[in-house]
């Protein structure tokens, strides 16, 4: 399977899972409002089904809230650090 075909397959699977999840969690309410009608044998007429789709209302906003925020501070302190002295041979 080529990389492009694999990518396309992954996109289709993710889209299907997203729609199933949206319906399962109540974000979509799909109700069929009209029955489908098969076309005549002469391939004339026909009617596609109609659906009412109601999506969930999601309100996103912000509000002022007081929270504890930790503060980080530094201080200077004298400590002994290791030193290395290299003397080249003459």
PDB file of N, CA and C in Angstrom:
ATOM      1  N   UNK A   1       0.847  -1.172   0.000  1.00  0.00           N
ATOM      2  CA  UNK A   1       0.000   0.000   0.000  1.00  0.00           C
ATOM      3  C   UNK A   1       0.891   1.232   0.000  1.00  0.00           C
ATOM      4  N   UNK A   2       0.598   2.160  -0.865  1.00  0.00           N
ATOM      5  CA  UNK A   2       1.427   3.361  -0.971  1.00  0.00           C
ATOM      6  C   UNK A   2       1.159   4.298   0.208  1.00  0.00           C
ATOM      7  N   UNK A   3       2.059   5.229   0.390  1.00  0.00           N
ATOM      8  CA  UNK A   3       1.943   6.179   1.499  1.00  0.00           C
ATOM      9  C   UNK A   3       0.704   7.055   1.346  1.00  0.00           C
ATOM     10  N   UNK A   4       0.400   7.480   0.140  1.00  0.00           N
ATOM     11  CA  UNK A   4      -0.769   8.325  -0.095  1.00  0.00           C
ATOM     12  C   UNK A   4      -2.061   7.562   0.199  1.00  0.00           C
ATOM     13  N   UNK A   5      -2.124   6.297  -0.217  1.00  0.00           N
ATOM     14  CA  UNK A   5      -3.308   5.485   0.042  1.00  0.00           C
ATOM     15  C   UNK A   5      -3.473   5.239   1.538  1.00  0.00           C
ATOM     16  N   UNK A   6      -2.375   5.001   2.225  1.00  0.00           N
ATOM     17  CA  UNK A   6      -2.416   4.772   3.668  1.00  0.00           C
ATOM     18  C   UNK A   6      -2.902   6.036   4.385  1.00  0.00           C
ATOM     19  N   UNK A   7      -2.401   7.191   3.952  1.00  0.00           N
ATOM     20  CA  UNK A   7      -2.816   8.458   4.557  1.00  0.00           C
ATOM     21  C   UNK A   7      -4.306   8.700   4.326  1.00  0.00           C
ATOM     22  N   UNK A   8      -4.759   8.447   3.119  1.00  0.00           N
ATOM     23  CA  UNK A   8      -6.183   8.614   2.820  1.00  0.00           C
ATOM     24  C   UNK A   8      -7.051   7.689   3.651  1.00  0.00           C
ATOM     25  N   UNK A   9      -6.618   6.450   3.830  1.00  0.00           N
ATOM     26  CA  UNK A   9      -7.362   5.480   4.635  1.00  0.00           C
ATOM     27  C   UNK A   9      -7.427   5.929   6.087  1.00  0.00           C
ATOM     28  N   UNK A  10      -6.332   6.436   6.610  1.00  0.00           N
ATOM     29  CA  UNK A  10      -6.303   6.912   8.002  1.00  0.00           C
ATOM     30  C   UNK A  10      -7.264   8.088   8.172  1.00  0.00           C
ATOM     31  N   UNK A  11      -7.287   9.008   7.214  1.00  0.00           N
ATOM     32  CA  UNK A  11      -8.185  10.169   7.290  1.00  0.00           C
ATOM     33  C   UNK A  11      -9.646   9.718   7.287  1.00  0.00           C
ATOM     34  N   UNK A  12      -9.987   8.759   6.434  1.00  0.00           N
ATOM     35  CA  UNK A  12     -11.360   8.265   6.364  1.00  0.00           C
ATOM     36  C   UNK A  12     -11.751   7.591   7.679  1.00  0.00           C
ATOM     37  N   UNK A  13     -10.873   6.775   8.233  1.00  0.00           N
ATOM     38  CA  UNK A  13     -11.165   6.076   9.492  1.00  0.00           C
ATOM     39  C   UNK A  13     -11.347   7.082  10.629  1.00  0.00           C
ATOM     40  N   UNK A  14     -10.479   8.081  10.708  1.00  0.00           N
ATOM     41  CA  UNK A  14     -10.591   9.099  11.757  1.00  0.00           C
ATOM     42  C   UNK A  14     -11.901   9.871  11.613  1.00  0.00           C
ATOM     43  N   UNK A  15     -12.289  10.200  10.394  1.00  0.00           N
ATOM     44  CA  UNK A  15     -13.541  10.923  10.172  1.00  0.00           C
ATOM     45  C   UNK A  15     -14.743  10.087  10.609  1.00  0.00           C
ATOM     46  N   UNK A  16     -14.739   8.805  10.293  1.00  0.00           N
ATOM     47  CA  UNK A  16     -15.836   7.914  10.684  1.00  0.00           C
ATOM     48  C   UNK A  16     -15.912   7.801  12.197  1.00  0.00           C
ATOM     49  N   UNK A  17     -14.769   7.633  12.846  1.00  0.00           N
ATOM     50  CA  UNK A  17     -14.736   7.531  14.306  1.00  0.00           C
ATOM     51  C   UNK A  17     -15.218   8.837  14.944  1.00  0.00           C
ATOM     52  N   UNK A  18     -14.858   9.981  14.357  1.00  0.00           N
ATOM     53  CA  UNK A  18     -15.284  11.272  14.899  1.00  0.00           C
ATOM     54  C   UNK A  18     -16.805  11.427  14.815  1.00  0.00           C
ATOM     55  N   UNK A  19     -17.394  11.017  13.716  1.00  0.00           N
ATOM     56  CA  UNK A  19     -18.850  11.108  13.570  1.00  0.00           C
ATOM     57  C   UNK A  19     -19.548  10.167  14.545  1.00  0.00           C
ATOM     58  N   UNK A  20     -19.032   8.948  14.689  1.00  0.00           N
ATOM     59  CA  UNK A  20     -19.617   7.991  15.635  1.00  0.00           C
ATOM     60  C   UNK A  20     -19.521   8.535  17.060  1.00  0.00           C
ATOM     61  N   UNK A  21     -18.372   9.103  17.410  1.00  0.00           N
ATOM     62  CA  UNK A  21     -18.193   9.660  18.754  1.00  0.00           C
ATOM     63  C   UNK A  21     -19.137  10.840  18.978  1.00  0.00           C
ATOM     64  N   UNK A  22     -19.313  11.698  17.972  1.00  0.00           N
ATOM     65  CA  UNK A  22     -20.202  12.847  18.112  1.00  0.00           C
ATOM     66  C   UNK A  22     -21.643  12.401  18.348  1.00  0.00           C
ATOM     67  N   UNK A  23     -22.060  11.372  17.662  1.00  0.00           N
ATOM     68  CA  UNK A  23     -23.416  10.848  17.857  1.00  0.00           C
ATOM     69  C   UNK A  23     -23.526  10.166  19.218  1.00  0.00           C
ATOM     70  N   UNK A  24     -22.510   9.386  19.593  1.00  0.00           N
ATOM     71  CA  UNK A  24     -22.536   8.658  20.861  1.00  0.00           C
ATOM     72  C   UNK A  24     -22.559   9.595  22.064  1.00  0.00           C
ATOM     73  N   UNK A  25     -21.849  10.711  21.996  1.00  0.00           N
ATOM     74  CA  UNK A  25     -21.796  11.641  23.126  1.00  0.00           C
ATOM     75  C   UNK A  25     -22.904  12.694  23.071  1.00  0.00           C
ATOM     76  N   UNK A  26     -23.783  12.614  22.111  1.00  0.00           N
ATOM     77  CA  UNK A  26     -24.922  13.517  22.058  1.00  0.00           C
ATOM     78  C   UNK A  26     -24.647  14.860  21.415  1.00  0.00           C
ATOM     79  N   UNK A  27     -23.525  15.010  20.735  1.00  0.00           N
ATOM     80  CA  UNK A  27     -23.254  16.271  20.048  1.00  0.00           C
ATOM     81  C   UNK A  27     -24.050  16.375  18.755  1.00  0.00           C
ATOM     82  N   UNK A  28     -24.469  15.250  18.207  1.00  0.00           N
ATOM     83  CA  UNK A  28     -25.305  15.241  17.003  1.00  0.00           C
ATOM     84  C   UNK A  28     -26.564  14.433  17.287  1.00  0.00           C
ATOM     85  N   UNK A  29     -27.695  14.940  16.855  1.00  0.00           N
ATOM     86  CA  UNK A  29     -28.948  14.217  16.941  1.00  0.00           C
ATOM     87  C   UNK A  29     -29.496  14.130  15.526  1.00  0.00           C
ATOM     88  N   UNK A  30     -29.417  12.958  14.929  1.00  0.00           N
ATOM     89  CA  UNK A  30     -29.827  12.782  13.537  1.00  0.00           C
ATOM     90  C   UNK A  30     -31.174  12.064  13.517  1.00  0.00           C
ATOM     91  N   UNK A  31     -32.180  12.730  12.943  1.00  0.00           N
ATOM     92  CA  UNK A  31     -33.515  12.149  12.824  1.00  0.00           C
ATOM     93  C   UNK A  31     -33.919  12.165  11.359  1.00  0.00           C
ATOM     94  N   UNK A  32     -34.315  11.009  10.845  1.00  0.00           N
ATOM     95  CA  UNK A  32     -34.753  10.943   9.456  1.00  0.00           C
ATOM     96  C   UNK A  32     -36.158  11.513   9.377  1.00  0.00           C
ATOM     97  N   UNK A  33     -36.353  12.489   8.495  1.00  0.00           N
ATOM     98  CA  UNK A  33     -37.665  13.140   8.374  1.00  0.00           C
ATOM     99  C   UNK A  33     -38.446  12.695   7.146  1.00  0.00           C
ATOM    100  N   UNK A  34     -37.798  12.017   6.233  1.00  0.00           N
ATOM    101  CA  UNK A  34     -38.481  11.555   5.034  1.00  0.00           C
ATOM    102  C   UNK A  34     -37.863  10.233   4.617  1.00  0.00           C
ATOM    103  N   UNK A  35     -38.685   9.271   4.287  1.00  0.00           N
ATOM    104  CA  UNK A  35     -38.192   7.967   3.854  1.00  0.00           C
ATOM    105  C   UNK A  35     -37.587   8.061   2.451  1.00  0.00           C
ATOM    106  N   UNK A  36     -36.610   7.228   2.197  1.00  0.00           N
ATOM    107  CA  UNK A  36     -36.007   7.174   0.871  1.00  0.00           C
ATOM    108  C   UNK A  36     -36.942   6.393  -0.066  1.00  0.00           C
ATOM    109  N   UNK A  37     -36.902   6.749  -1.310  1.00  0.00           N
ATOM    110  CA  UNK A  37     -37.728   6.067  -2.302  1.00  0.00           C
ATOM    111  C   UNK A  37     -36.813   5.591  -3.417  1.00  0.00           C
ATOM    112  N   UNK A  38     -36.881   4.317  -3.732  1.00  0.00           N
ATOM    113  CA  UNK A  38     -36.039   3.774  -4.788  1.00  0.00           C
ATOM    114  C   UNK A  38     -36.515   4.278  -6.140  1.00  0.00           C
ATOM    115  N   UNK A  39     -35.579   4.503  -7.052  1.00  0.00           N
ATOM    116  CA  UNK A  39     -35.987   4.972  -8.382  1.00  0.00           C
ATOM    117  C   UNK A  39     -36.663   3.854  -9.175  1.00  0.00           C
ATOM    118  N   UNK A  40     -37.366   4.270 -10.194  1.00  0.00           N
ATOM    119  CA  UNK A  40     -38.008   3.310 -11.089  1.00  0.00           C
ATOM    120  C   UNK A  40     -36.922   2.514 -11.816  1.00  0.00           C
ATOM    121  N   UNK A  41     -37.331   1.385 -12.371  1.00  0.00           N
ATOM    122  CA  UNK A  41     -36.394   0.534 -13.101  1.00  0.00           C
ATOM    123  C   UNK A  41     -35.815   1.278 -14.296  1.00  0.00           C
ATOM    124  N   UNK A  42     -36.543   2.185 -14.842  1.00  0.00           N
ATOM    125  CA  UNK A  42     -36.084   2.956 -15.980  1.00  0.00           C
ATOM    126  C   UNK A  42     -35.139   4.074 -15.532  1.00  0.00           C
ATOM    127  N   UNK A  43     -34.737   4.061 -14.320  1.00  0.00           N
ATOM    128  CA  UNK A  43     -33.839   5.033 -13.721  1.00  0.00           C
ATOM    129  C   UNK A  43     -34.415   6.438 -13.873  1.00  0.00           C
ATOM    130  N   UNK A  44     -35.646   6.560 -13.512  1.00  0.00           N
ATOM    131  CA  UNK A  44     -36.304   7.856 -13.518  1.00  0.00           C
ATOM    132  C   UNK A  44     -36.796   8.140 -12.103  1.00  0.00           C
ATOM    133  N   UNK A  45     -36.762   9.391 -11.715  1.00  0.00           N
ATOM    134  CA  UNK A  45     -37.307   9.782 -10.419  1.00  0.00           C
ATOM    135  C   UNK A  45     -36.398   9.370  -9.270  1.00  0.00           C
ATOM    136  N   UNK A  46     -37.028   9.133  -8.178  1.00  0.00           N
ATOM    137  CA  UNK A  46     -36.290   8.799  -6.969  1.00  0.00           C
ATOM    138  C   UNK A  46     -36.282   9.980  -6.013  1.00  0.00           C
ATOM    139  N   UNK A  47     -35.960   9.706  -4.804  1.00  0.00           N
ATOM    140  CA  UNK A  47     -35.960  10.774  -3.805  1.00  0.00           C
ATOM    141  C   UNK A  47     -34.924  10.440  -2.741  1.00  0.00           C
ATOM    142  N   UNK A  48     -34.089  11.385  -2.482  1.00  0.00           N
ATOM    143  CA  UNK A  48     -33.098  11.209  -1.427  1.00  0.00           C
ATOM    144  C   UNK A  48     -33.767  11.456  -0.078  1.00  0.00           C
ATOM    145  N   UNK A  49     -33.335  10.769   0.967  1.00  0.00           N
ATOM    146  CA  UNK A  49     -33.925  11.001   2.288  1.00  0.00           C
ATOM    147  C   UNK A  49     -33.529  12.376   2.819  1.00  0.00           C
ATOM    148  N   UNK A  50     -34.363  12.924   3.671  1.00  0.00           N
ATOM    149  CA  UNK A  50     -34.070  14.212   4.308  1.00  0.00           C
ATOM    150  C   UNK A  50     -33.852  13.967   5.793  1.00  0.00           C
ATOM    151  N   UNK A  51     -32.965  14.742   6.407  1.00  0.00           N
ATOM    152  CA  UNK A  51     -32.639  14.571   7.815  1.00  0.00           C
ATOM    153  C   UNK A  51     -32.648  15.920   8.513  1.00  0.00           C
ATOM    154  N   UNK A  52     -33.093  15.932   9.760  1.00  0.00           N
ATOM    155  CA  UNK A  52     -32.915  17.081  10.641  1.00  0.00           C
ATOM    156  C   UNK A  52     -31.753  16.755  11.557  1.00  0.00           C
ATOM    157  N   UNK A  53     -30.727  17.572  11.548  1.00  0.00           N
ATOM    158  CA  UNK A  53     -29.557  17.353  12.400  1.00  0.00           C
ATOM    159  C   UNK A  53     -29.504  18.480  13.415  1.00  0.00           C
ATOM    160  N   UNK A  54     -29.547  18.103  14.688  1.00  0.00           N
ATOM    161  CA  UNK A  54     -29.455  19.081  15.762  1.00  0.00           C
ATOM    162  C   UNK A  54     -28.129  18.871  16.478  1.00  0.00           C
ATOM    163  N   UNK A  55     -27.320  19.900  16.505  1.00  0.00           N
ATOM    164  CA  UNK A  55     -26.029  19.797  17.188  1.00  0.00           C
ATOM    165  C   UNK A  55     -26.127  20.387  18.583  1.00  0.00           C
ATOM    166  N   UNK A  56     -25.219  19.976  19.438  1.00  0.00           N
ATOM    167  CA  UNK A  56     -25.182  20.499  20.797  1.00  0.00           C
ATOM    168  C   UNK A  56     -24.706  21.946  20.785  1.00  0.00           C
ATOM    169  N   UNK A  57     -25.249  22.748  21.714  1.00  0.00           N
ATOM    170  CA  UNK A  57     -24.792  24.129  21.862  1.00  0.00           C
ATOM    171  C   UNK A  57     -23.603  24.141  22.819  1.00  0.00           C
ATOM    172  N   UNK A  58     -22.513  24.719  22.391  1.00  0.00           N
ATOM    173  CA  UNK A  58     -21.313  24.804  23.212  1.00  0.00           C
ATOM    174  C   UNK A  58     -20.974  26.279  23.389  1.00  0.00           C
ATOM    175  N   UNK A  59     -20.970  26.725  24.635  1.00  0.00           N
ATOM    176  CA  UNK A  59     -20.596  28.096  24.943  1.00  0.00           C
ATOM    177  C   UNK A  59     -19.203  28.101  25.542  1.00  0.00           C
ATOM    178  N   UNK A  60     -18.303  28.867  24.942  1.00  0.00           N
ATOM    179  CA  UNK A  60     -16.933  28.972  25.414  1.00  0.00           C
ATOM    180  C   UNK A  60     -16.699  30.404  25.850  1.00  0.00           C
ATOM    181  N   UNK A  61     -16.151  30.567  27.035  1.00  0.00           N
ATOM    182  CA  UNK A  61     -15.906  31.908  27.528  1.00  0.00           C
ATOM    183  C   UNK A  61     -14.860  31.881  28.625  1.00  0.00           C
ATOM    184  N   UNK A  62     -14.782  32.960  29.355  1.00  0.00           N
ATOM    185  CA  UNK A  62     -13.851  33.027  30.475  1.00  0.00           C
ATOM    186  C   UNK A  62     -14.481  33.852  31.575  1.00  0.00           C
ATOM    187  N   UNK A  63     -13.995  33.650  32.793  1.00  0.00           N
ATOM    188  CA  UNK A  63     -14.463  34.429  33.918  1.00  0.00           C
ATOM    189  C   UNK A  63     -13.297  34.640  34.864  1.00  0.00           C
ATOM    190  N   UNK A  64     -13.281  35.759  35.559  1.00  0.00           N
ATOM    191  CA  UNK A  64     -12.186  36.009  36.494  1.00  0.00           C
ATOM    192  C   UNK A  64     -12.307  35.094  37.716  1.00  0.00           C
ATOM    193  N   UNK A  65     -11.206  34.464  38.059  1.00  0.00           N
ATOM    194  CA  UNK A  65     -11.157  33.559  39.201  1.00  0.00           C
ATOM    195  C   UNK A  65      -9.835  33.754  39.918  1.00  0.00           C
ATOM    196  N   UNK A  66      -9.847  33.684  41.246  1.00  0.00           N
ATOM    197  CA  UNK A  66      -8.628  33.793  42.031  1.00  0.00           C
ATOM    198  C   UNK A  66      -8.074  32.402  42.280  1.00  0.00           C
ATOM    199  N   UNK A  67      -6.803  32.210  41.924  1.00  0.00           N
ATOM    200  CA  UNK A  67      -6.141  30.920  42.130  1.00  0.00           C
ATOM    201  C   UNK A  67      -4.781  31.162  42.785  1.00  0.00           C
ATOM    202  N   UNK A  68      -4.279  30.149  43.480  1.00  0.00           N
ATOM    203  CA  UNK A  68      -2.938  30.226  44.058  1.00  0.00           C
ATOM    204  C   UNK A  68      -1.917  29.955  42.964  1.00  0.00           C
ATOM    205  N   UNK A  69      -0.973  30.876  42.814  1.00  0.00           N
ATOM    206  CA  UNK A  69       0.073  30.732  41.811  1.00  0.00           C
ATOM    207  C   UNK A  69       1.409  30.694  42.549  1.00  0.00           C
ATOM    208  N   UNK A  70       2.187  29.617  42.397  1.00  0.00           N
ATOM    209  CA  UNK A  70       3.468  29.550  43.084  1.00  0.00           C
ATOM    210  C   UNK A  70       4.468  30.544  42.485  1.00  0.00           C
ATOM    211  N   UNK A  71       5.336  31.073  43.325  1.00  0.00           N
ATOM    212  CA  UNK A  71       6.382  31.971  42.846  1.00  0.00           C
ATOM    213  C   UNK A  71       7.727  31.290  43.046  1.00  0.00           C
ATOM    214  N   UNK A  72       8.647  31.567  42.160  1.00  0.00           N
ATOM    215  CA  UNK A  72       9.987  30.995  42.208  1.00  0.00           C
ATOM    216  C   UNK A  72      10.971  32.141  42.412  1.00  0.00           C
ATOM    217  N   UNK A  73      11.869  31.978  43.379  1.00  0.00           N
ATOM    218  CA  UNK A  73      12.847  33.026  43.633  1.00  0.00           C
ATOM    219  C   UNK A  73      14.261  32.464  43.615  1.00  0.00           C
ATOM    220  N   UNK A  74      15.235  33.340  43.496  1.00  0.00           N
ATOM    221  CA  UNK A  74      16.639  32.928  43.536  1.00  0.00           C
ATOM    222  C   UNK A  74      17.369  33.802  44.543  1.00  0.00           C
ATOM    223  N   UNK A  75      18.501  33.296  45.026  1.00  0.00           N
ATOM    224  CA  UNK A  75      19.339  34.074  45.931  1.00  0.00           C
ATOM    225  C   UNK A  75      20.794  33.750  45.626  1.00  0.00           C
ATOM    226  N   UNK A  76      21.686  34.639  45.927  1.00  0.00           N
ATOM    227  CA  UNK A  76      23.118  34.428  45.701  1.00  0.00           C
ATOM    228  C   UNK A  76      23.720  33.819  46.962  1.00  0.00           C
ATOM    229  N   UNK A  77      24.560  32.825  46.750  1.00  0.00           N
ATOM    230  CA  UNK A  77      25.219  32.145  47.858  1.00  0.00           C
ATOM    231  C   UNK A  77      26.622  31.760  47.411  1.00  0.00           C
ATOM    232  N   UNK A  78      27.591  31.893  48.261  1.00  0.00           N
ATOM    233  CA  UNK A  78      28.968  31.540  47.934  1.00  0.00           C
ATOM    234  C   UNK A  78      29.194  30.074  48.295  1.00  0.00           C
ATOM    235  N   UNK A  79      29.670  29.312  47.297  1.00  0.00           N
ATOM    236  CA  UNK A  79      29.975  27.896  47.524  1.00  0.00           C
ATOM    237  C   UNK A  79      31.325  27.586  46.902  1.00  0.00           C
ATOM    238  N   UNK A  80      31.957  26.482  47.308  1.00  0.00           N
ATOM    239  CA  UNK A  80      33.209  26.024  46.710  1.00  0.00           C
ATOM    240  C   UNK A  80      32.892  25.143  45.519  1.00  0.00           C
ATOM    241  N   UNK A  81      33.500  25.495  44.377  1.00  0.00           N
ATOM    242  CA  UNK A  81      33.314  24.694  43.175  1.00  0.00           C
ATOM    243  C   UNK A  81      34.652  24.079  42.791  1.00  0.00           C
ATOM    244  N   UNK A  82      34.671  22.931  42.175  1.00  0.00           N
ATOM    245  CA  UNK A  82      35.929  22.306  41.790  1.00  0.00           C
ATOM    246  C   UNK A  82      36.626  23.113  40.684  1.00  0.00           C
ATOM    247  N   UNK A  83      37.939  23.112  40.736  1.00  0.00           N
ATOM    248  CA  UNK A  83      38.748  23.763  39.695  1.00  0.00           C
ATOM    249  C   UNK A  83      39.734  22.757  39.153  1.00  0.00           C
ATOM    250  N   UNK A  84      40.163  22.969  37.924  1.00  0.00           N
ATOM    251  CA  UNK A  84      41.141  22.091  37.287  1.00  0.00           C
ATOM    252  C   UNK A  84      42.256  22.987  36.760  1.00  0.00           C
ATOM    253  N   UNK A  85      43.503  22.652  37.143  1.00  0.00           N
ATOM    254  CA  UNK A  85      44.688  23.375  36.688  1.00  0.00           C
ATOM    255  C   UNK A  85      45.499  22.425  35.822  1.00  0.00           C
ATOM    256  N   UNK A  86      45.788  22.800  34.599  1.00  0.00           N
ATOM    257  CA  UNK A  86      46.591  21.957  33.699  1.00  0.00           C
ATOM    258  C   UNK A  86      47.888  22.689  33.407  1.00  0.00           C
ATOM    259  N   UNK A  87      49.021  22.018  33.688  1.00  0.00           N
ATOM    260  CA  UNK A  87      50.344  22.597  33.404  1.00  0.00           C
ATOM    261  C   UNK A  87      50.983  21.780  32.289  1.00  0.00           C
ATOM    262  N   UNK A  88      51.303  22.451  31.201  1.00  0.00           N
ATOM    263  CA  UNK A  88      51.904  21.792  30.051  1.00  0.00           C
ATOM    264  C   UNK A  88      53.371  21.492  30.364  1.00  0.00           C
ATOM    265  N   UNK A  89      53.852  20.391  29.881  1.00  0.00           N
ATOM    266  CA  UNK A  89      55.289  20.092  30.064  1.00  0.00           C
ATOM    267  C   UNK A  89      56.141  21.048  29.247  1.00  0.00           C
ATOM    268  N   UNK A  90      57.338  21.336  29.748  1.00  0.00           N
ATOM    269  CA  UNK A  90      58.267  22.267  29.039  1.00  0.00           C
ATOM    270  C   UNK A  90      58.869  21.636  27.866  1.00  0.00           C
TER     271      UNK A  90
END
